[in-house]
Amino acid sequence: MLRLLHLSDIHFRTPFCEDPKQDRDGPIRDALIKDIESIIQNDSRPISAILITGDIAFKAETKEFEFAAQWLDDLCRRFSCPPLNVYVVPGNHDVNRATAGKLMIDAVRQRIMNKQGEARESAFRMALLDSQAGAELIKPMNEYNVFAARYRCDITPQNPFWTDKLPIDEGVDLIINGLTSTFFSGEHDDIGRLFLGGIQTNFRTEDGCIHLSMMHHPCDWFVNSDDVIDDLNNGAGIQLFGHKHRGRWDPGMGTVRIAADSIHPDRAEGGYEPGYNILDLHLSHNHAEQPQVTVSAKIRVLQNAPRIFIGKQNYNQTEVFEYHIPVNPRPTAPISAQTPPAAPEEPSSTQAQSEQESTNEEFPQPSQVNGKEMAFRFWNLKLSQRSQILTELNLLEEEHMALPENERYRTAFKNANEMGVVDKLIEKVTTAEKINE
């Protein structure tokens, strides 16, 4: 079974989040932790992964993201959730609006949005492929990317979205798709004015797997909303959203849309209601003995007096919302007939049970270290240590130094793989970790 903690719209805001005495949202997070503890104590099901559908920060400032990282680290330790299983996507508050309004960035965006249909799709792809235009589209999310790179969820022009896989049960996996809805987000966001390229919703069918999509904006915020809805319904059995600050459960034909409340909504907005979701996924079978994934959700909202979280009720007046998603069984074949796995492109792309191991245990041997773990460990080093390691192993050329920090490290990891020095990279990271203990 897989238990997912779905958070959204946390809105860590400086300077208030840095001072416990001024942070009015601190007691809400305290109540959230107590509520999660109570749920886990009641059913003995631990948190497997934490999924955040955007708006981690409020002004996209570095200190806001740093505070978020510290809070998430504490959350992972408290609930024994591997930090490798934190997944994030950007929201409009994670976009630097001042940067987004600059002339060159606005020009690239307008060049794309002035087109229609497939012409717009093509213009978006070509902009991402162009080194200068692609860099401009990413710039407003540079601060977010430094934060997200710890969890291997940063985005680049070459990788404008990300995917990962977690096991649900024996023979059934969840493919998580982190979609970026903020490429055109800025000072004047409005419904129907954003664009989500079709390259992000190109879900491929894989036996023994179901897809989960997570993005910040609901579909009606996109100029191509009908196409986005169709692609999601065709490919993603579970669809997670944020932004509206309204916890909702919306099942359809073989899919379920789940929206999360904001943990810290603006107190001045109507219907102030902090909340979060817990999703449980497990393998089951229907009346015809066909496999399916049962999704059970608890939609939790804050009651003000006393300040405790309670569950929203469904039509049956219970606090659990449930839906079943069909899954094609994974075919069995003799080992000799199976295709050998492809070689990883970076330190390791293996997504197996090692991702589920507690970070309190010793790190696996180099051959078992995956790319997501490598990124988390590397980003947790001091800046001077990261720079020294890359210099000693000659993993970067002069031309790479102008890249944003997250892209620079991605390039270094790729070069380490191509140069055959992954073991040396891991050894140096391990040595630096011991120095920091």
Protein backbone atom coordinates (compact mmCIF):
# COMPACT_ATOMS: atom_id res chain seq x y z
CA MET A 1 0.00 0.00 0.00
CA LEU A 2 1.09 3.56 -0.71
CA ARG A 3 0.10 6.49 1.52
CA LEU A 4 0.49 9.97 0.01
CA LEU A 5 0.39 13.23 1.95
CA HIS A 6 -0.99 15.86 -0.44
CA LEU A 7 -0.16 19.46 0.53
CA SER A 8 -0.60 22.68 -1.41
CA ASP A 9 -0.36 26.46 -1.21
CA ILE A 10 1.83 26.59 1.89
CA HIS A 11 2.81 30.21 1.20
CA PHE A 12 5.84 30.49 3.47
CA ARG A 13 6.27 34.26 3.74
CA THR A 14 9.29 36.22 4.93
CA PRO A 15 9.99 37.74 7.36
CA PHE A 16 7.14 36.21 9.38
CA CYS A 17 7.96 32.53 8.83
CA GLU A 18 11.45 33.14 10.25
CA ASP A 19 10.17 34.31 13.64
CA PRO A 20 7.95 31.88 15.58
CA LYS A 21 6.48 34.75 17.58
CA GLN A 22 5.30 36.54 14.42
CA ASP A 23 4.29 33.48 12.41
CA ARG A 24 0.51 33.30 12.76
CA ASP A 25 0.48 30.17 10.59
CA GLY A 26 2.78 28.23 12.91
CA PRO A 27 -0.08 26.96 15.12
CA ILE A 28 -1.83 25.67 11.98
CA ARG A 29 1.21 23.58 11.07
CA ASP A 30 1.34 22.33 14.66
CA ALA A 31 -2.30 21.22 14.40
CA LEU A 32 -1.59 19.57 11.02
CA ILE A 33 1.24 17.52 12.52
CA LYS A 34 -0.94 16.41 15.43
CA ASP A 35 -3.71 15.41 13.03
CA ILE A 36 -1.37 13.33 10.87
CA GLU A 37 0.06 11.66 13.98
CA SER A 38 -3.45 10.78 15.12
CA ILE A 39 -4.37 9.25 11.75
CA ILE A 40 -1.18 7.17 11.64
CA GLN A 41 -1.61 6.00 15.23
CA ASN A 42 -5.17 4.97 14.43
CA ASP A 43 -4.40 2.77 11.41
CA SER A 44 -0.59 2.19 11.65
CA ARG A 45 -0.05 3.24 8.02
CA PRO A 46 3.05 5.43 7.57
CA ILE A 47 3.49 8.25 5.08
CA SER A 48 5.15 6.89 1.93
CA ALA A 49 5.57 10.16 0.03
CA ILE A 50 4.78 13.87 0.26
CA LEU A 51 3.32 15.58 -2.82
CA ILE A 52 3.07 19.39 -2.95
CA THR A 53 1.05 21.01 -5.73
CA GLY A 54 2.71 24.40 -5.75
CA ASP A 55 2.93 27.74 -3.97
CA ILE A 56 5.59 26.63 -1.54
CA ALA A 57 6.71 30.26 -1.17
CA PHE A 58 4.78 33.52 -1.18
CA LYS A 59 7.16 35.92 -2.96
CA ALA A 60 9.54 33.34 -4.50
CA GLU A 61 12.33 34.54 -2.19
CA THR A 62 15.32 32.34 -1.41
CA LYS A 63 14.74 32.48 2.36
CA GLU A 64 11.14 31.31 1.92
CA PHE A 65 12.31 28.24 0.03
CA GLU A 66 15.06 27.59 2.57
CA PHE A 67 12.52 27.64 5.38
CA ALA A 68 10.28 25.29 3.38
CA ALA A 69 13.15 22.83 2.94
CA GLN A 70 13.85 22.85 6.68
CA TRP A 71 10.17 22.29 7.48
CA LEU A 72 9.91 19.42 5.00
CA ASP A 73 13.06 17.82 6.40
CA ASP A 74 11.50 17.96 9.86
CA LEU A 75 8.22 16.56 8.52
CA CYS A 76 10.07 13.65 6.89
CA ARG A 77 11.99 12.87 10.09
CA ARG A 78 8.86 13.05 12.20
CA PHE A 79 6.90 10.64 10.00
CA SER A 80 9.81 8.47 8.79
CA CYS A 81 9.17 9.47 5.18
CA PRO A 82 12.31 9.35 3.01
CA PRO A 83 13.17 12.89 1.81
CA LEU A 84 13.75 11.26 -1.57
CA ASN A 85 9.99 10.78 -1.71
CA VAL A 86 9.15 14.47 -1.55
CA TYR A 87 7.72 15.67 -4.86
CA VAL A 88 7.02 19.30 -5.76
CA VAL A 89 5.73 21.38 -8.68
CA PRO A 90 5.77 25.19 -8.91
CA GLY A 91 2.80 27.48 -8.31
CA ASN A 92 2.27 31.09 -9.31
CA HIS A 93 3.70 32.30 -5.97
CA ASP A 94 6.89 30.34 -6.73
CA VAL A 95 7.43 32.51 -9.81
CA ASN A 96 9.52 35.66 -9.37
CA ARG A 97 7.04 38.18 -10.75
CA ALA A 98 9.59 40.95 -11.14
CA THR A 99 11.73 38.66 -13.28
CA ALA A 100 8.71 37.42 -15.23
CA GLY A 101 7.87 41.00 -16.22
CA LYS A 102 11.24 41.72 -17.85
CA LEU A 103 11.22 42.69 -21.51
CA MET A 104 12.98 39.67 -23.01
CA ILE A 105 10.95 37.13 -21.05
CA ASP A 106 7.70 38.86 -21.89
CA ALA A 107 8.70 38.95 -25.56
CA VAL A 108 9.32 35.20 -25.67
CA ARG A 109 6.04 34.49 -23.91
CA GLN A 110 4.04 36.79 -26.20
CA ARG A 111 5.61 35.30 -29.31
CA ILE A 112 4.23 31.93 -28.23
CA MET A 113 0.84 33.05 -26.93
CA ASN A 114 0.08 35.13 -30.03
CA LYS A 115 -0.19 31.89 -31.98
CA GLN A 116 -3.04 29.39 -31.84
CA GLY A 117 -3.56 25.63 -31.78
CA GLU A 118 -0.69 23.51 -33.07
CA ALA A 119 1.22 26.64 -34.08
CA ARG A 120 1.38 27.60 -30.39
CA GLU A 121 2.47 24.07 -29.46
CA SER A 122 5.25 24.23 -32.04
CA ALA A 123 6.36 27.70 -30.94
CA PHE A 124 6.57 26.52 -27.31
CA ARG A 125 8.68 23.51 -28.24
CA MET A 126 10.99 25.58 -30.42
CA ALA A 127 11.45 28.15 -27.64
CA LEU A 128 12.46 25.42 -25.19
CA LEU A 129 14.93 24.00 -27.73
CA ASP A 130 16.49 27.41 -28.34
CA SER A 131 19.24 28.05 -25.77
CA GLN A 132 18.42 31.75 -25.27
CA ALA A 133 14.62 31.55 -25.41
CA GLY A 134 14.56 28.44 -23.20
CA ALA A 135 16.71 30.17 -20.59
CA GLU A 136 14.33 33.15 -20.57
CA LEU A 137 11.28 30.92 -19.97
CA ILE A 138 13.00 29.28 -16.98
CA LYS A 139 14.43 32.42 -15.35
CA PRO A 140 11.33 33.41 -13.31
CA MET A 141 11.54 30.01 -11.59
CA ASN A 142 15.28 30.05 -10.80
CA GLU A 143 14.80 30.47 -7.04
CA TYR A 144 12.20 27.70 -7.02
CA ASN A 145 14.54 25.44 -9.00
CA VAL A 146 17.30 25.68 -6.40
CA PHE A 147 14.79 24.44 -3.83
CA ALA A 148 13.22 21.77 -6.06
CA ALA A 149 16.58 20.37 -7.19
CA ARG A 150 17.07 18.84 -3.72
CA TYR A 151 14.17 16.53 -4.57
CA ARG A 152 15.11 16.05 -8.23
CA CYS A 153 11.99 18.02 -9.20
CA ASP A 154 13.67 21.05 -10.78
CA ILE A 155 12.84 21.90 -14.37
CA THR A 156 15.02 22.90 -17.31
CA PRO A 157 14.31 23.78 -20.95
CA GLN A 158 15.34 20.22 -21.81
CA ASN A 159 13.21 18.75 -18.99
CA PRO A 160 10.16 21.04 -18.53
CA PHE A 161 8.44 18.37 -16.43
CA TRP A 162 9.53 15.30 -14.47
CA THR A 163 8.39 11.74 -13.79
CA ASP A 164 9.15 9.16 -11.12
CA LYS A 165 7.81 5.77 -10.09
CA LEU A 166 6.79 4.35 -6.72
CA PRO A 167 5.53 0.81 -5.96
CA ILE A 168 1.90 0.48 -4.84
CA ASP A 169 1.87 -3.28 -4.43
CA GLU A 170 3.59 -6.28 -5.93
CA GLY A 171 3.40 -5.89 -9.70
CA VAL A 172 1.66 -2.49 -9.61
CA ASP A 173 3.42 0.88 -9.70
CA LEU A 174 2.42 4.54 -9.57
CA ILE A 175 4.00 6.82 -12.17
CA ILE A 176 4.08 10.37 -10.77
CA ASN A 177 4.09 13.15 -13.38
CA GLY A 178 5.10 16.61 -12.18
CA LEU A 179 3.66 19.13 -14.65
CA THR A 180 4.71 22.78 -14.84
CA SER A 181 1.69 25.08 -15.16
CA THR A 182 3.66 28.30 -14.53
CA PHE A 183 5.67 28.89 -17.71
CA PHE A 184 3.41 31.86 -18.50
CA SER A 185 2.59 32.91 -14.95
CA GLY A 186 3.35 36.44 -13.76
CA GLU A 187 1.86 39.59 -12.33
CA HIS A 188 -1.45 39.35 -14.19
CA ASP A 189 -2.51 35.70 -14.10
CA ASP A 190 -6.13 35.03 -14.94
CA ILE A 191 -8.37 32.16 -15.95
CA GLY A 192 -7.80 31.13 -19.56
CA ARG A 193 -4.52 33.04 -19.94
CA LEU A 194 -1.95 30.33 -19.18
CA PHE A 195 -0.72 27.57 -21.47
CA LEU A 196 0.25 23.95 -20.80
CA GLY A 197 2.05 22.40 -23.75
CA GLY A 198 0.96 18.98 -24.96
CA ILE A 199 4.48 17.63 -24.40
CA GLN A 200 3.68 17.60 -20.68
CA THR A 201 0.54 15.47 -20.97
CA ASN A 202 1.88 12.80 -23.30
CA PHE A 203 1.18 9.90 -20.93
CA ARG A 204 2.28 6.51 -22.24
CA THR A 205 0.44 3.34 -21.26
CA GLU A 206 2.52 0.89 -19.25
CA ASP A 207 1.24 -2.45 -18.02
CA GLY A 208 1.06 -2.75 -14.27
CA CYS A 209 1.09 1.03 -13.82
CA ILE A 210 -1.30 3.91 -13.32
CA HIS A 211 -0.39 7.57 -13.82
CA LEU A 212 -0.78 10.35 -11.27
CA SER A 213 -0.47 13.95 -12.49
CA MET A 214 0.23 16.85 -10.18
CA MET A 215 0.20 20.53 -11.12
CA HIS A 216 -0.73 23.78 -9.47
CA HIS A 217 -3.41 25.31 -11.69
CA PRO A 218 -6.78 23.67 -12.43
CA CYS A 219 -7.50 23.05 -16.09
CA ASP A 220 -9.75 26.09 -16.62
CA TRP A 221 -6.75 28.38 -16.20
CA PHE A 222 -5.30 27.25 -19.55
CA VAL A 223 -6.10 28.70 -22.94
CA ASN A 224 -5.98 25.09 -24.19
CA SER A 225 -8.09 23.79 -21.29
CA ASP A 226 -10.18 21.35 -23.38
CA ASP A 227 -7.04 19.65 -24.70
CA VAL A 228 -5.52 19.49 -21.22
CA ILE A 229 -8.69 17.93 -19.77
CA ASP A 230 -8.84 15.33 -22.56
CA ASP A 231 -5.16 14.40 -22.19
CA LEU A 232 -5.42 14.09 -18.41
CA ASN A 233 -8.57 11.98 -18.59
CA ASN A 234 -7.01 9.73 -21.22
CA GLY A 235 -3.77 9.18 -19.33
CA ALA A 236 -3.83 10.12 -15.64
CA GLY A 237 -6.04 8.06 -13.37
CA ILE A 238 -5.28 10.35 -10.42
CA GLN A 239 -5.09 14.13 -10.96
CA LEU A 240 -3.90 16.44 -8.17
CA PHE A 241 -4.36 20.23 -8.16
CA GLY A 242 -3.93 23.23 -5.90
CA HIS A 243 -4.39 26.99 -6.35
CA LYS A 244 -8.09 27.37 -5.58
CA HIS A 245 -7.68 26.74 -1.83
CA ARG A 246 -10.65 24.37 -1.90
CA GLY A 247 -10.38 20.70 -0.99
CA ARG A 248 -12.43 18.72 -3.49
CA TRP A 249 -12.99 15.12 -4.64
CA ASP A 250 -14.27 14.75 -8.21
CA PRO A 251 -14.45 11.21 -9.64
CA GLY A 252 -15.04 10.68 -13.37
CA MET A 253 -14.87 7.85 -15.89
CA GLY A 254 -11.82 5.91 -14.75
CA THR A 255 -10.18 9.00 -13.25
CA VAL A 256 -10.42 11.06 -10.09
CA ARG A 257 -9.55 14.76 -9.65
CA ILE A 258 -8.41 15.75 -6.16
CA ALA A 259 -7.85 19.36 -5.15
CA ALA A 260 -6.11 20.35 -1.94
CA ASP A 261 -6.98 23.22 0.36
CA SER A 262 -4.24 25.69 1.17
CA ILE A 263 -2.35 25.02 4.39
CA HIS A 264 -1.97 28.78 4.82
CA PRO A 265 -4.66 30.64 2.86
CA ASP A 266 -4.97 34.41 3.08
CA ARG A 267 -7.14 35.24 6.07
CA ALA A 268 -8.76 38.05 4.09
CA GLU A 269 -10.05 35.79 1.34
CA GLY A 270 -13.58 34.42 1.48
CA GLY A 271 -14.13 30.93 2.85
CA TYR A 272 -10.89 30.83 4.84
CA GLU A 273 -10.32 27.09 5.34
CA PRO A 274 -6.83 25.62 5.82
CA GLY A 275 -6.62 21.95 4.86
CA TYR A 276 -4.74 19.05 3.34
CA ASN A 277 -5.36 15.53 1.96
CA ILE A 278 -4.20 12.01 2.74
CA LEU A 279 -4.49 9.45 -0.08
CA ASP A 280 -4.20 5.69 0.36
CA LEU A 281 -3.59 3.52 -2.71
CA HIS A 282 -3.75 -0.26 -2.71
CA LEU A 283 -4.27 -3.10 -5.15
CA SER A 284 -7.73 -4.69 -5.19
CA HIS A 285 -9.96 -6.60 -7.63
CA ASN A 286 -13.45 -5.94 -8.95
CA HIS A 287 -16.32 -8.46 -9.10
CA ALA A 288 -14.85 -9.95 -12.29
CA GLU A 289 -11.49 -10.44 -10.51
CA GLN A 290 -9.84 -7.80 -12.70
CA PRO A 291 -7.08 -5.80 -10.95
CA GLN A 292 -7.71 -2.22 -9.94
CA VAL A 293 -6.13 0.40 -7.74
CA THR A 294 -8.42 1.58 -4.96
CA VAL A 295 -7.87 5.25 -4.04
CA SER A 296 -9.13 6.24 -0.59
CA ALA A 297 -8.90 9.89 0.40
CA LYS A 298 -9.28 11.80 3.63
CA ILE A 299 -9.92 15.50 2.98
CA ARG A 300 -9.02 17.34 6.16
CA VAL A 301 -10.04 20.92 7.01
CA LEU A 302 -9.29 23.13 9.98
CA GLN A 303 -11.93 23.79 12.60
CA ASN A 304 -11.13 27.07 14.32
CA ALA A 305 -12.39 26.55 17.87
CA PRO A 306 -10.97 24.30 19.07
CA ARG A 307 -8.18 24.45 16.49
CA ILE A 308 -8.21 20.89 15.16
CA PHE A 309 -8.46 19.28 11.74
CA ILE A 310 -11.60 17.33 10.93
CA GLY A 311 -12.65 15.27 7.91
CA LYS A 312 -15.01 16.38 5.18
CA GLN A 313 -17.86 13.93 4.68
CA ASN A 314 -19.04 12.28 1.48
CA TYR A 315 -22.64 11.53 0.48
CA ASN A 316 -22.59 8.45 2.71
CA GLN A 317 -21.67 10.64 5.66
CA THR A 318 -18.31 8.99 6.11
CA GLU A 319 -14.92 10.69 6.09
CA VAL A 320 -13.36 8.48 3.41
CA PHE A 321 -13.81 9.14 -0.31
CA GLU A 322 -13.12 6.05 -2.42
CA TYR A 323 -12.68 5.31 -6.11
CA HIS A 324 -11.38 2.36 -8.18
CA ILE A 325 -9.07 2.76 -11.17
CA PRO A 326 -8.61 -0.18 -13.57
CA VAL A 327 -5.04 -1.32 -14.18
CA ASN A 328 -3.72 -3.57 -16.91
CA PRO A 329 -1.87 -6.49 -15.32
CA ARG A 330 1.82 -6.75 -16.00
CA PRO A 331 2.44 -9.73 -18.29
CA THR A 332 4.59 -12.50 -16.94
CA ALA A 333 7.36 -13.92 -19.11
CA PRO A 334 10.37 -16.14 -18.63
CA ILE A 335 13.42 -14.22 -17.42
CA SER A 336 15.27 -15.11 -20.61
CA ALA A 337 12.53 -13.48 -22.67
CA GLN A 338 12.49 -10.21 -20.76
CA THR A 339 14.25 -7.14 -22.09
CA PRO A 340 17.28 -6.15 -20.00
CA PRO A 341 16.99 -2.74 -18.34
CA ALA A 342 18.53 0.24 -20.10
CA ALA A 343 21.69 1.78 -18.68
CA PRO A 344 21.02 4.88 -16.56
CA GLU A 345 21.87 8.29 -18.03
CA GLU A 346 22.92 9.82 -14.71
CA PRO A 347 24.47 8.43 -11.49
CA SER A 348 21.58 5.97 -11.44
CA SER A 349 17.95 6.13 -12.46
CA THR A 350 16.90 3.01 -10.58
CA GLN A 351 13.52 3.54 -8.94
CA ALA A 352 13.11 0.54 -6.68
CA GLN A 353 12.56 -0.26 -3.06
CA SER A 354 15.77 1.52 -2.08
CA GLU A 355 13.81 4.79 -2.47
CA GLN A 356 11.58 3.64 0.35
CA GLU A 357 14.40 2.96 2.83
CA SER A 358 14.69 5.30 5.78
CA THR A 359 17.40 7.93 5.59
CA ASN A 360 18.33 6.98 9.16
CA GLU A 361 19.91 3.82 7.78
CA GLU A 362 23.35 3.72 6.21
CA PHE A 363 23.50 4.81 2.58
CA PRO A 364 23.51 1.97 0.06
CA GLN A 365 26.63 1.00 -1.83
CA PRO A 366 27.47 3.14 -4.89
CA SER A 367 25.92 0.70 -7.33
CA GLN A 368 22.59 1.12 -5.54
CA VAL A 369 22.52 4.91 -5.29
CA ASN A 370 19.87 6.42 -7.56
CA GLY A 371 19.79 9.83 -9.22
CA LYS A 372 17.20 11.26 -6.85
CA GLU A 373 19.24 10.24 -3.82
CA MET A 374 22.41 11.62 -5.38
CA ALA A 375 20.76 14.99 -5.97
CA PHE A 376 19.41 15.21 -2.41
CA ARG A 377 22.74 14.31 -0.81
CA PHE A 378 24.73 16.63 -3.08
CA TRP A 379 22.46 19.64 -2.50
CA ASN A 380 22.65 19.13 1.25
CA LEU A 381 26.39 19.80 1.19
CA LYS A 382 27.84 23.25 1.70
CA LEU A 383 28.27 25.35 -1.43
CA SER A 384 32.05 25.30 -1.01
CA GLN A 385 32.01 21.49 -0.78
CA ARG A 386 29.89 21.13 -3.91
CA SER A 387 32.19 23.43 -5.86
CA GLN A 388 35.32 21.64 -4.64
CA ILE A 389 34.00 18.20 -5.64
CA LEU A 390 33.08 19.33 -9.15
CA THR A 391 36.47 21.00 -9.57
CA GLU A 392 38.45 18.00 -8.33
CA LEU A 393 36.64 15.67 -10.72
CA ASN A 394 36.71 18.15 -13.64
CA LEU A 395 33.00 17.65 -14.22
CA LEU A 396 32.29 21.08 -15.72
CA GLU A 397 33.70 23.13 -18.58
CA GLU A 398 33.96 26.91 -18.62
CA GLU A 399 30.89 27.13 -20.86
CA HIS A 400 28.75 25.48 -18.16
CA MET A 401 29.50 28.07 -15.49
CA ALA A 402 26.90 30.51 -16.85
CA LEU A 403 24.09 27.97 -16.41
CA PRO A 404 21.66 28.25 -13.47
CA GLU A 405 22.92 26.29 -10.49
CA ASN A 406 20.47 23.39 -10.84
CA GLU A 407 21.27 22.96 -14.54
CA ARG A 408 24.99 23.17 -13.79
CA TYR A 409 24.76 20.26 -11.36
CA ARG A 410 22.58 18.24 -13.72
CA THR A 411 25.29 18.64 -16.34
CA ALA A 412 27.94 17.58 -13.82
CA PHE A 413 26.01 14.41 -12.92
CA LYS A 414 25.63 13.56 -16.59
CA ASN A 415 29.34 14.12 -17.20
CA ALA A 416 30.21 11.95 -14.19
CA ASN A 417 28.27 9.10 -15.77
CA GLU A 418 29.85 9.57 -19.20
CA MET A 419 33.36 9.85 -17.71
CA GLY A 420 32.87 6.76 -15.54
CA VAL A 421 33.59 8.57 -12.27
CA VAL A 422 30.24 8.08 -10.53
CA ASP A 423 31.84 6.00 -7.77
CA LYS A 424 34.41 8.74 -7.17
CA LEU A 425 31.63 11.34 -7.03
CA ILE A 426 29.71 9.31 -4.45
CA GLU A 427 32.87 8.72 -2.44
CA LYS A 428 33.60 12.45 -2.26
CA VAL A 429 30.01 13.27 -1.32
CA THR A 430 30.14 10.65 1.46
CA THR A 431 33.41 12.09 2.77
CA ALA A 432 31.94 15.59 2.83
CA GLU A 433 28.87 14.32 4.68
CA LYS A 434 31.05 12.81 7.39
CA ILE A 435 32.89 16.12 7.81
CA ASN A 436 29.54 17.87 8.32
CA GLU A 437 28.30 15.43 10.96
